[in-house]
Protein backbone atom coordinates (compact mmCIF):
# COMPACT_ATOMS: atom_id res chain seq x y z
CA MET A 1 -126.49 57.77 77.19
CA THR A 2 -125.62 56.68 80.72
CA MET A 3 -126.67 53.66 82.73
CA ASN A 4 -128.57 54.15 85.98
CA GLY A 5 -129.68 51.60 88.55
CA GLN A 6 -133.08 51.02 86.98
CA LEU A 7 -131.61 50.34 83.52
CA PHE A 8 -128.95 48.02 84.93
CA PHE A 9 -131.64 46.11 86.82
CA GLU A 10 -133.73 45.74 83.65
CA MET A 11 -130.66 44.48 81.79
CA LEU A 12 -129.92 41.92 84.50
CA VAL A 13 -133.49 40.61 84.50
CA SER A 14 -133.45 40.32 80.70
CA ALA A 15 -130.10 38.51 80.92
CA ALA A 16 -131.42 36.12 83.58
CA ASN A 17 -134.48 35.35 81.44
CA ALA A 18 -132.33 34.74 78.36
CA LEU A 19 -130.13 32.37 80.36
CA ASP A 20 -133.15 30.58 81.79
CA ASN A 21 -134.63 30.09 78.30
CA GLU A 22 -131.35 28.56 77.07
CA GLN A 23 -130.81 26.40 80.16
CA GLU A 24 -131.24 23.01 78.49
CA VAL A 25 -129.20 24.03 75.44
CA ILE A 26 -126.30 24.96 77.71
CA ASN A 27 -126.65 21.77 79.77
CA ASN A 28 -126.41 19.68 76.62
CA MET A 29 -123.13 21.32 75.61
CA ASN A 30 -121.20 19.62 78.40
CA VAL A 31 -118.77 17.51 76.39
CA PHE A 32 -118.12 14.92 79.04
CA PRO A 33 -120.75 12.23 78.39
CA VAL A 34 -121.33 11.43 82.08
CA PRO A 35 -124.58 12.83 83.51
CA ASP A 36 -123.17 16.12 84.81
CA GLY A 37 -124.69 18.47 82.24
CA ASP A 38 -125.53 21.14 84.77
CA THR A 39 -123.79 24.31 83.55
CA GLY A 40 -127.08 25.81 82.38
CA ILE A 41 -128.82 24.94 85.64
CA ASN A 42 -126.00 26.36 87.75
CA MET A 43 -125.72 29.64 85.84
CA THR A 44 -129.50 30.06 85.75
CA LEU A 45 -129.99 29.46 89.48
CA THR A 46 -127.16 31.89 90.21
CA LEU A 47 -128.42 34.81 88.11
CA ARG A 48 -132.15 34.22 88.47
CA THR A 49 -131.97 35.64 92.02
CA VAL A 50 -131.75 39.19 90.64
CA ASN A 51 -135.50 38.99 90.09
CA GLY A 52 -135.82 39.15 93.86
CA LEU A 53 -134.75 42.79 93.76
CA GLU A 54 -138.18 43.48 92.18
CA SER A 55 -138.67 46.79 90.32
CA TYR A 56 -135.44 48.37 91.45
CA LYS A 57 -135.13 52.13 91.58
CA GLY A 58 -132.01 53.77 92.96
CA ALA A 59 -128.32 54.40 92.37
CA LEU A 60 -126.38 52.12 90.03
CA SER A 61 -123.88 51.29 92.77
CA ASP A 62 -126.63 50.08 95.10
CA CYS A 63 -128.26 47.92 92.44
CA ALA A 64 -124.94 46.37 91.40
CA LYS A 65 -124.04 45.67 95.05
CA GLN A 66 -127.38 43.99 95.81
CA ALA A 67 -127.31 41.95 92.60
CA ALA A 68 -123.76 40.77 93.33
CA GLU A 69 -124.67 39.80 96.87
CA VAL A 70 -127.72 37.69 95.96
CA ALA A 71 -125.85 36.05 93.07
CA LEU A 72 -122.91 35.20 95.32
CA ARG A 73 -125.12 33.51 97.90
CA ALA A 74 -127.06 31.62 95.24
CA ALA A 75 -123.97 30.57 93.24
CA ARG A 76 -123.87 26.88 92.30
CA GLY A 77 -121.09 24.95 90.60
CA ASN A 78 -117.93 26.39 89.09
CA SER A 79 -119.82 28.19 86.33
CA GLY A 80 -122.19 29.82 88.81
CA ALA A 81 -119.33 30.79 91.11
CA ILE A 82 -117.39 32.37 88.23
CA LEU A 83 -120.49 34.25 87.10
CA SER A 84 -121.21 35.57 90.60
CA LEU A 85 -117.61 36.74 90.95
CA PHE A 86 -117.85 38.53 87.61
CA PHE A 87 -120.80 40.57 88.87
CA ARG A 88 -119.03 41.10 92.17
CA GLY A 89 -116.15 42.68 90.27
CA MET A 90 -118.57 44.86 88.34
CA SER A 91 -120.17 46.03 91.58
CA LYS A 92 -116.76 47.06 92.91
CA ALA A 93 -116.13 49.11 89.77
CA PHE A 94 -119.55 50.80 90.09
CA ARG A 95 -119.04 51.63 93.77
CA GLY A 96 -120.12 55.20 94.55
CA LEU A 97 -121.67 55.81 91.10
CA ASP A 98 -125.26 56.96 90.60
CA THR A 99 -124.87 56.41 86.84
CA ALA A 100 -122.16 55.06 84.54
CA ASP A 101 -120.89 56.17 81.13
CA ILE A 102 -119.28 53.87 78.57
CA GLY A 103 -115.88 54.22 80.23
CA ASP A 104 -117.28 53.18 83.60
CA VAL A 105 -119.01 50.16 82.04
CA ALA A 106 -115.86 49.05 80.20
CA ARG A 107 -113.88 49.28 83.45
CA ALA A 108 -116.58 47.28 85.23
CA PHE A 109 -116.37 44.48 82.66
CA ARG A 110 -112.60 44.43 83.03
CA GLN A 111 -112.83 44.24 86.82
CA GLY A 112 -115.50 41.55 86.50
CA HIS A 113 -113.14 39.39 84.47
CA THR A 114 -110.25 40.09 86.85
CA GLU A 115 -112.28 39.10 89.89
CA ALA A 116 -113.43 35.86 88.28
CA TYR A 117 -110.02 34.99 86.82
CA LYS A 118 -108.06 35.32 90.05
CA ALA A 119 -110.46 33.00 91.89
CA VAL A 120 -109.87 30.06 89.53
CA MET A 121 -107.00 27.84 90.61
CA ASN A 122 -105.91 26.75 87.12
CA PRO A 123 -107.46 29.05 84.49
CA THR A 124 -107.78 27.37 81.11
CA LYS A 125 -108.00 28.94 77.68
CA GLY A 126 -111.17 28.19 75.78
CA THR A 127 -113.55 28.57 78.72
CA ILE A 128 -115.93 31.24 79.99
CA LEU A 129 -112.90 33.14 81.34
CA THR A 130 -111.51 33.53 77.83
CA VAL A 131 -114.83 34.82 76.52
CA MET A 132 -115.04 37.29 79.44
CA GLN A 133 -111.49 38.46 78.72
CA LYS A 134 -112.13 39.14 75.03
CA CYS A 135 -115.36 40.90 75.94
CA ALA A 136 -113.56 43.22 78.37
CA GLU A 137 -110.73 43.91 75.91
CA SER A 138 -113.17 44.89 73.17
CA GLY A 139 -114.96 47.25 75.56
CA GLU A 140 -111.71 49.00 76.44
CA LYS A 141 -110.78 49.36 72.77
CA PHE A 142 -114.22 50.80 71.99
CA VAL A 143 -113.84 53.44 74.71
CA GLU A 144 -110.35 54.30 73.49
CA ALA A 145 -111.59 54.70 69.92
CA SER A 146 -114.57 56.78 71.05
CA ALA A 147 -112.19 59.51 72.19
CA HIS A 148 -111.75 60.46 68.54
CA GLU A 149 -114.12 62.88 66.83
CA GLY A 150 -117.01 61.24 65.01
CA ALA A 151 -116.61 57.91 66.77
CA LYS A 152 -119.61 56.15 68.29
CA LYS A 153 -119.99 56.81 72.00
CA ASP A 154 -123.40 55.42 72.88
CA MET A 155 -124.01 52.60 75.37
CA GLU A 156 -125.83 50.40 72.87
CA SER A 157 -122.87 50.41 70.48
CA LEU A 158 -120.52 49.52 73.34
CA PHE A 159 -122.56 46.47 74.28
CA GLU A 160 -123.00 45.38 70.67
CA THR A 161 -119.23 45.59 70.22
CA MET A 162 -118.60 43.51 73.34
CA LEU A 163 -121.24 40.99 72.28
CA LYS A 164 -119.68 40.56 68.84
CA ALA A 165 -116.21 40.07 70.33
CA SER A 166 -117.60 37.54 72.79
CA GLU A 167 -119.29 35.58 70.00
CA VAL A 168 -116.02 35.46 68.06
CA ALA A 169 -114.16 34.29 71.17
CA LEU A 170 -116.81 31.64 71.82
CA ALA A 171 -116.53 30.31 68.25
CA LYS A 172 -112.77 29.85 68.79
CA THR A 173 -113.07 27.83 72.01
CA PRO A 174 -113.00 24.45 70.19
CA GLU A 175 -109.59 25.38 68.77
CA GLN A 176 -108.31 26.03 72.30
CA LEU A 177 -109.81 22.98 74.00
CA PRO A 178 -109.43 19.71 72.03
CA LYS A 179 -112.31 18.10 73.95
CA LEU A 180 -114.69 20.72 72.59
CA LYS A 181 -113.45 20.23 69.05
CA GLU A 182 -113.77 16.48 69.32
CA ALA A 183 -117.38 16.78 70.47
CA HIS A 184 -118.22 19.54 67.94
CA VAL A 185 -119.44 22.00 70.59
CA VAL A 186 -118.37 25.35 72.02
CA ASP A 187 -117.70 25.96 75.72
CA ALA A 188 -120.96 25.74 77.70
CA GLY A 189 -120.04 28.45 80.21
CA GLY A 190 -118.87 30.77 77.43
CA TYR A 191 -122.15 30.19 75.61
CA GLY A 192 -123.98 31.11 78.80
CA PHE A 193 -122.01 34.35 79.11
CA VAL A 194 -122.80 35.28 75.50
CA THR A 195 -126.46 34.55 76.23
CA ILE A 196 -126.30 36.97 79.16
CA LEU A 197 -124.85 39.69 76.93
CA LYS A 198 -127.61 39.11 74.38
CA GLY A 199 -130.18 39.59 77.12
CA MET A 200 -128.53 42.83 78.25
CA VAL A 201 -128.41 44.19 74.70
CA ALA A 202 -132.09 43.32 74.20
CA ALA A 203 -133.01 45.37 77.27
CA LEU A 204 -130.91 48.29 76.04
CA LYS A 205 -132.91 48.20 72.82
CA LYS A 206 -136.17 48.36 74.83
CA ASN A 207 -137.04 44.79 73.86
CA PRO A 208 -136.09 42.78 76.97
CA VAL A 209 -136.15 38.99 76.91
CA VAL A 210 -139.21 37.46 78.57
CA LEU A 211 -139.15 34.18 80.45
CA LEU A 212 -140.44 31.30 78.32
CA ASN A 213 -139.68 28.35 80.58
CA ASP A 214 -142.16 27.43 83.29
CA HIS A 215 -139.77 27.70 86.24
CA PRO A 216 -140.64 28.78 89.80
CA ALA A 217 -140.24 32.49 90.45
CA ALA A 218 -136.97 33.57 91.97
CA ALA A 219 -138.46 36.22 94.23
CA GLY A 220 -137.93 36.12 97.97
CA ALA A 221 -139.76 33.41 99.88
CA ALA A 222 -143.29 34.19 100.99
CA ASP A 223 -144.29 34.15 104.64
CA PHE A 224 -146.89 31.39 104.67
CA ALA A 225 -148.00 32.24 108.19
CA ASP A 226 -149.32 35.63 107.05
CA PHE A 227 -152.71 34.09 106.37
CA ASP A 228 -154.75 31.30 107.89
CA THR A 229 -155.23 27.94 106.18
CA GLU A 230 -158.99 28.39 106.40
CA GLU A 231 -158.72 31.59 104.35
CA ILE A 232 -157.96 29.51 101.25
CA THR A 233 -161.24 29.72 99.30
CA PHE A 234 -160.78 26.68 97.07
CA ALA A 235 -158.95 23.61 98.28
CA TYR A 236 -157.56 22.06 95.10
CA CYS A 237 -155.03 23.44 92.63
CA THR A 238 -156.05 21.63 89.44
CA GLU A 239 -154.05 21.54 86.21
CA CYS A 240 -154.25 19.48 83.06
CA ILE A 241 -153.28 19.40 79.41
CA VAL A 242 -155.87 18.09 76.94
CA GLU A 243 -154.90 16.78 73.52
CA LYS A 244 -157.83 17.96 71.42
CA SER A 245 -159.96 15.55 69.46
CA GLU A 246 -160.57 16.26 65.75
CA ALA A 247 -163.93 17.83 66.55
CA PHE A 248 -162.22 20.63 68.52
CA ALA A 249 -159.09 21.10 66.40
CA GLY A 250 -158.09 24.75 65.95
CA GLU A 251 -157.73 27.76 68.20
CA ASP A 252 -160.46 29.06 70.53
CA THR A 253 -162.75 26.04 70.20
CA ALA A 254 -163.11 25.39 73.94
CA GLY A 255 -164.87 28.52 75.11
CA GLU A 256 -167.53 26.55 76.96
CA LEU A 257 -164.88 24.73 79.02
CA HIS A 258 -163.27 28.07 79.85
CA ARG A 259 -166.59 29.50 81.06
CA PHE A 260 -167.26 26.36 83.10
CA ILE A 261 -164.03 26.45 85.10
CA CYS A 262 -164.42 30.20 85.70
CA GLU A 263 -167.78 29.45 87.32
CA ILE A 264 -166.50 26.77 89.72
CA GLY A 265 -163.16 28.27 90.79
CA ASP A 266 -160.65 31.12 90.62
CA SER A 267 -157.00 31.74 89.65
CA VAL A 268 -157.87 30.53 86.16
CA VAL A 269 -155.22 30.25 83.47
CA PHE A 270 -156.57 28.93 80.17
CA VAL A 271 -154.71 28.30 76.91
CA ASP A 272 -156.86 27.21 73.94
CA ASP A 273 -154.31 26.30 71.25
CA GLU A 274 -154.75 24.51 67.92
CA ALA A 275 -153.97 21.04 69.23
CA ILE A 276 -154.06 21.31 73.02
CA ILE A 277 -155.84 22.94 75.92
CA LYS A 278 -153.82 23.85 79.00
CA LEU A 279 -155.79 24.89 82.05
CA HIS A 280 -155.16 25.83 85.66
CA VAL A 281 -157.86 26.51 88.24
CA HIS A 282 -158.31 26.56 92.01
CA THR A 283 -161.56 24.72 92.74
CA ASP A 284 -163.37 22.46 95.20
CA HIS A 285 -164.44 20.13 92.38
CA PRO A 286 -161.38 18.86 90.47
CA GLY A 287 -163.31 15.80 89.31
CA GLN A 288 -165.83 17.98 87.53
CA VAL A 289 -162.99 19.82 85.77
CA MET A 290 -161.49 16.54 84.54
CA GLU A 291 -164.88 15.21 83.44
CA LYS A 292 -165.65 18.35 81.47
CA ALA A 293 -162.15 18.45 79.95
CA LEU A 294 -162.55 14.89 78.68
CA GLU A 295 -165.34 16.11 76.38
CA TYR A 296 -162.66 17.90 74.34
CA GLY A 297 -160.13 15.11 73.96
CA MET A 298 -157.62 12.95 75.88
CA LEU A 299 -155.91 14.04 79.10
CA ALA A 300 -152.16 14.22 78.48
CA THR A 301 -151.19 15.36 81.99
CA VAL A 302 -153.09 15.89 85.24
CA LYS A 303 -151.98 17.47 88.53
CA ILE A 304 -154.24 18.00 91.56
CA GLU A 305 -152.86 19.33 94.85
CA ASN A 306 -154.60 20.02 98.15
CA MET A 307 -153.56 23.61 98.85
CA LYS A 308 -154.83 23.59 102.44
CA ASN A 309 -152.62 20.63 103.31
CA GLN A 310 -149.72 22.21 101.43
CA HIS A 311 -150.16 25.47 103.30
CA SER A 312 -150.33 23.82 106.71
CA SER A 313 -147.18 21.87 105.89
CA LEU A 314 -145.35 24.96 104.67
CA VAL A 315 -146.32 26.97 107.75
CA ASP A 316 -145.09 24.16 110.00
CA LYS A 317 -141.85 23.85 108.06
CA GLN A 318 -141.29 27.60 108.06
CA GLU A 319 -141.99 27.93 111.79
CA LYS A 320 -139.52 25.15 112.57
CA ALA A 321 -136.90 26.81 110.37
CA GLU A 322 -137.45 30.20 111.98
CA SER A 323 -137.20 28.73 115.49
CA ALA A 324 -133.94 26.94 114.70
CA PRO A 325 -130.71 28.68 115.70
CA LYS A 326 -129.07 30.56 112.83
CA VAL A 327 -125.54 30.09 114.20
CA ALA A 328 -124.83 27.29 116.64
CA LYS A 329 -122.53 28.25 119.53
CA PRO A 330 -119.31 26.20 119.60
CA THR A 331 -119.46 23.29 122.04
CA LYS A 332 -116.35 21.60 120.63
CA LYS A 333 -113.20 22.50 118.76
CA TYR A 334 -113.77 20.60 115.50
CA GLY A 335 -116.84 20.02 113.34
CA PHE A 336 -117.46 18.58 109.87
CA VAL A 337 -119.81 19.24 106.95
CA SER A 338 -119.99 16.93 103.93
CA VAL A 339 -121.75 17.17 100.57
CA CYS A 340 -123.13 13.90 99.20
CA LEU A 341 -126.14 12.17 97.66
CA GLY A 342 -127.69 8.90 98.82
CA GLU A 343 -128.84 7.86 102.28
CA GLY A 344 -126.24 5.10 102.52
CA ILE A 345 -123.36 7.43 101.67
CA ALA A 346 -124.69 10.06 104.10
CA ALA A 347 -124.84 7.39 106.82
CA ALA A 348 -121.24 6.40 106.09
CA PHE A 349 -120.08 9.99 106.57
CA MET A 350 -122.08 10.28 109.79
CA ASP A 351 -120.52 7.04 111.02
CA VAL A 352 -117.02 8.50 110.68
CA GLY A 353 -117.96 11.67 112.56
CA VAL A 354 -119.48 14.20 110.14
CA ASP A 355 -121.92 16.58 111.87
CA ARG A 356 -124.06 17.79 108.98
CA ILE A 357 -124.83 16.49 105.51
CA ILE A 358 -125.66 18.72 102.54
CA HIS A 359 -127.53 16.71 99.94
CA GLY A 360 -125.94 17.45 96.59
CA GLY A 361 -123.56 16.26 93.91
CA GLN A 362 -123.60 15.82 90.14
CA THR A 363 -126.46 17.83 88.56
CA MET A 364 -127.61 18.99 92.02
CA ASN A 365 -124.99 21.40 93.30
CA PRO A 366 -125.65 23.16 96.63
CA SER A 367 -125.53 26.94 96.67
CA THR A 368 -123.15 29.13 98.64
CA GLN A 369 -125.99 29.80 101.07
CA ASP A 370 -126.68 26.07 101.53
CA ILE A 371 -123.08 25.51 102.62
CA MET A 372 -123.08 28.59 104.85
CA ASP A 373 -126.23 27.39 106.62
CA ALA A 374 -124.77 23.94 107.28
CA VAL A 375 -121.52 25.39 108.62
CA ASN A 376 -123.33 27.90 110.83
CA LEU A 377 -125.44 25.13 112.35
CA THR A 378 -122.36 23.06 113.21
CA PRO A 379 -121.48 23.70 116.90
CA ALA A 380 -117.72 23.92 116.50
CA GLU A 381 -114.96 26.52 116.45
CA TYR A 382 -113.29 25.01 113.36
CA VAL A 383 -115.46 23.46 110.65
CA PHE A 384 -113.99 21.27 107.91
CA VAL A 385 -116.06 21.17 104.69
CA PHE A 386 -115.80 18.23 102.28
CA PRO A 387 -117.21 19.26 98.82
CA ASN A 388 -116.58 15.76 97.36
CA ASN A 389 -117.00 17.16 93.84
CA LYS A 390 -114.71 19.37 91.77
CA ASN A 391 -117.72 21.45 90.73
CA ILE A 392 -118.59 22.32 94.35
CA TYR A 393 -115.15 23.26 95.69
CA MET A 394 -115.25 26.85 94.42
CA VAL A 395 -118.68 27.48 95.93
CA ALA A 396 -117.49 26.03 99.24
CA GLU A 397 -114.54 28.41 99.16
CA GLN A 398 -116.90 31.34 98.58
CA ALA A 399 -119.05 30.24 101.52
CA ALA A 400 -115.97 30.00 103.74
CA GLY A 401 -115.02 33.56 102.84
CA LEU A 402 -118.45 34.89 103.85
CA ILE A 403 -118.59 33.26 107.31
CA ARG A 404 -117.34 35.38 110.19
CA ASP A 405 -118.38 33.45 113.32
CA LYS A 406 -116.42 30.27 112.66
CA LYS A 407 -113.11 29.25 111.13
CA VAL A 408 -113.90 27.27 107.97
CA ILE A 409 -111.44 24.93 106.26
CA VAL A 410 -112.40 23.59 102.83
CA VAL A 411 -110.76 20.22 102.14
CA PRO A 412 -110.12 19.71 98.38
CA THR A 413 -112.05 16.44 98.03
CA LYS A 414 -113.34 15.69 94.52
CA SER A 415 -115.18 12.45 95.25
CA VAL A 416 -116.97 10.53 97.99
CA PRO A 417 -114.02 8.09 98.47
CA GLN A 418 -111.67 11.04 98.94
CA GLY A 419 -114.04 12.62 101.46
CA ILE A 420 -114.32 9.48 103.57
CA SER A 421 -110.55 8.88 103.48
CA ALA A 422 -109.91 12.48 104.51
CA MET A 423 -112.38 12.20 107.37
CA ILE A 424 -110.81 8.96 108.62
CA ALA A 425 -107.42 10.70 108.66
CA PHE A 426 -108.67 13.32 111.14
CA ASN A 427 -106.84 13.48 114.49
CA PRO A 428 -108.52 15.49 117.28
CA ASP A 429 -105.22 16.00 119.10
CA ILE A 430 -103.39 17.98 116.42
CA SER A 431 -103.78 21.47 114.93
CA PRO A 432 -106.20 22.39 112.11
CA GLU A 433 -103.24 23.01 109.80
CA ASP A 434 -101.69 19.60 110.50
CA ASN A 435 -105.08 17.93 110.09
CA LEU A 436 -105.49 19.53 106.69
CA GLU A 437 -102.10 18.25 105.58
CA ASP A 438 -102.91 14.73 106.80
CA MET A 439 -106.27 14.86 105.01
CA LYS A 440 -104.58 15.91 101.76
CA ALA A 441 -102.16 12.99 102.11
CA ALA A 442 -105.13 10.65 102.60
CA ILE A 443 -106.78 12.05 99.48
CA ASP A 444 -103.65 11.27 97.46
CA SER A 445 -103.57 7.70 98.75
CA VAL A 446 -107.05 6.72 97.55
CA THR A 447 -108.18 5.97 93.98
CA SER A 448 -111.75 6.97 93.19
CA MET A 449 -113.64 4.82 90.70
CA SER A 450 -117.24 4.90 89.54
CA VAL A 451 -119.59 3.51 86.93
CA THR A 452 -122.27 5.56 85.20
CA ASN A 453 -124.09 5.69 81.88
CA ALA A 454 -123.26 7.86 78.90
CA VAL A 455 -126.08 10.36 78.48
CA ARG A 456 -125.09 11.14 74.89
CA SER A 457 -123.07 9.72 72.04
CA THR A 458 -119.71 11.34 71.51
CA THR A 459 -116.05 10.67 70.87
CA VAL A 460 -113.47 10.95 73.65
CA GLU A 461 -109.78 10.67 72.81
CA GLY A 462 -110.64 8.92 69.59
CA GLU A 463 -112.94 6.33 71.17
CA LYS A 464 -116.58 6.36 70.13
CA ILE A 465 -119.10 6.23 72.96
CA ILE A 466 -122.74 5.45 72.31
CA GLY A 467 -125.42 7.02 74.45
CA GLY A 468 -126.63 4.50 77.03
CA GLN A 469 -123.34 2.61 77.29
CA MET A 470 -121.73 2.29 80.72
CA LEU A 471 -118.60 4.26 81.52
CA GLY A 472 -115.92 3.30 84.04
CA LEU A 473 -114.27 6.37 85.54
CA VAL A 474 -110.96 6.48 87.42
CA ASN A 475 -110.32 9.71 89.32
CA GLY A 476 -112.92 11.41 87.14
CA SER A 477 -111.52 10.35 83.75
CA ILE A 478 -113.03 7.74 81.45
CA ASP A 479 -111.05 4.52 81.73
CA CYS A 480 -113.31 1.95 80.07
CA VAL A 481 -116.61 1.52 78.23
CA ALA A 482 -118.96 -1.48 78.38
CA ASP A 483 -122.52 -2.47 77.59
CA SER A 484 -123.47 -3.23 81.21
CA ALA A 485 -122.60 -1.90 84.65
CA GLU A 486 -121.33 -5.31 85.76
CA GLU A 487 -119.04 -5.62 82.74
CA CYS A 488 -117.71 -2.14 83.42
CA LEU A 489 -117.06 -3.02 87.07
CA GLY A 490 -115.13 -6.11 85.94
CA LYS A 491 -112.88 -3.99 83.74
CA LEU A 492 -112.21 -1.57 86.61
CA ALA A 493 -111.44 -4.50 88.92
CA GLU A 494 -108.40 -5.26 86.76
CA GLN A 495 -106.79 -2.24 88.42
CA MET A 496 -107.57 -3.46 91.97
CA LYS A 497 -105.14 -6.41 91.96
CA ASP A 498 -102.65 -4.70 94.26
CA ALA A 499 -105.27 -3.01 96.48
CA SER A 500 -105.51 -3.86 100.17
CA TYR A 501 -109.01 -2.48 100.72
CA VAL A 502 -111.95 -1.75 98.40
CA MET A 503 -115.21 -0.11 99.47
CA VAL A 504 -118.17 -0.06 97.05
CA PHE A 505 -121.35 2.00 97.36
CA LEU A 506 -124.26 0.55 95.39
CA GLY A 507 -126.48 3.07 93.64
CA GLU A 508 -130.16 3.88 93.78
CA GLY A 509 -132.38 1.01 92.65
CA MET A 510 -129.73 -1.68 93.00
CA PRO A 511 -131.19 -4.88 94.60
CA GLU A 512 -129.99 -6.07 98.01
CA ASP A 513 -128.50 -9.24 96.51
CA ALA A 514 -126.28 -7.11 94.24
CA ALA A 515 -123.80 -6.86 97.12
CA ALA A 516 -122.74 -10.49 96.81
CA ASP A 517 -122.44 -10.28 93.01
CA THR A 518 -120.40 -7.08 93.30
CA GLU A 519 -117.97 -8.63 95.76
CA ALA A 520 -117.61 -11.72 93.53
CA ILE A 521 -116.78 -9.59 90.46
CA ILE A 522 -114.02 -7.77 92.36
CA ARG A 523 -112.60 -10.86 94.06
CA ALA A 524 -112.34 -12.62 90.69
CA LYS A 525 -109.72 -10.04 89.69
CA ALA A 526 -108.35 -9.09 93.12
CA PRO A 527 -108.64 -12.18 95.38
CA ASP A 528 -106.36 -10.90 98.15
CA CYS A 529 -107.97 -7.54 98.90
CA GLU A 530 -110.59 -6.86 101.56
CA VAL A 531 -113.93 -5.87 100.00
CA ALA A 532 -116.82 -4.00 101.68
CA VAL A 533 -120.07 -3.39 99.79
CA LEU A 534 -122.65 -0.93 101.15
CA MET A 535 -126.00 0.33 99.89
CA GLY A 536 -125.20 3.95 98.99
CA GLY A 537 -128.47 4.95 97.34
CA GLN A 538 -126.77 7.53 95.11
CA PRO A 539 -128.52 8.40 91.82
CA LEU A 540 -126.91 8.07 88.37
CA TYR A 541 -123.95 5.96 89.55
CA PRO A 542 -124.56 2.18 90.05
CA TYR A 543 -121.12 1.92 91.68
CA ILE A 544 -118.94 4.41 93.55
CA ILE A 545 -115.70 2.73 94.58
CA SER A 546 -112.86 3.61 96.94
CA VAL A 547 -109.60 1.73 96.30
CA GLU A 548 -106.69 1.84 98.73
């Protein structure tokens, strides 16, 4: 059996669906108890784009190339970047092939691992890279053994062998990474890769994985201007979930409701389960739908949207986007792009000279394409990019490698304080290379602190952390634990005694008068330092602190 383009496409779609279905499981494997459990999201958003190829028919090489390209542009976070590079390596191995035999596939898995491995600055055992490596090694051994008479040579056996080896490698990751063992989990990225293999094997067995989660389709964006707003027959998209009363308990007891909504609208989706009714209808009378639904029980959820208004808004937004320049012509030598969350933090970056802001950070990583778009719209010959998060750096590097019209320099900032310090160090009168060196020196001179809550209970370096407690982080590592954000800030302030300048960004939902209290907490421990407190508006982190 050989693999052609159509089969490879079906395997990729099945793998993407399997990954999507396991998204939350993978997110919850992140051992660090700060709210950055986004491995599942990042891998899913990266691979889900293969659905945009639709029902692919053609040569294997063409399918692999297209899949690699869309995954690369959609890649988010380190896990997504590694995954996209794996498929990029596979596409290189499949180049020029209409179909592939088991030897070709084994070589593709090896090249996939090689491509991903060489892109990681400090590869670590016990991660997705280790699982990929063991997978590729088992594939090569299978092909070598298949040269003997009577040995299995079919594609399904090859993939089952690689899957089994990957599962064994995944089970060993806690022995290679103490943090995993301490938290009693396996590597999240490795688990995601195994999930992908399971999806591919399922498709090979003619039982592909179907999408269970209710996520938006990953197909290419529709052109909303193709039809007129007035062509929308029914104005309101109406959805609700009804918790059935005892009188209607059991399946298929709400036939009358189903008939009713079919009569007053279209695009009907109706689920009549034992305990609930879930309905969707486009209608001009959402109130009548709700009133009728209430006859069957209590409304658990309700959503009503005016589709005509939505359409007009989408057309306007799309027309503005299409009229905007795709690549801004350079009007200056230097430009700057920064990734951050929170209006106050974005304003701070703009104040020090950043041209464009990409909204993103923990749990909301921008894609390669997002960064490319921001760089292309910056009217400069050289564009410095500040990722401000260790999980975005790799994606920024990928974006830089894809841009041809500008010279892109990715500054290795892992936090907002590092990004602002690097930007302040910029000198317009020196070369890009010298500026980068000065920015790196500025990064080394600043200490990044933050306070956030523990999203789960765990043990880190022998210390028990209870979900909901506040964590004080210093340069990304847990330094202290407390029962309140203010107490945590006080503990961090102990390390600010010798600081000359402290800048604090207050998080989303913090009251205006928190600025004075924040300054007082710091000055109680560091009376001689200058303190500036700004409303940052960032989610998840009550305090983000720069200490110099």
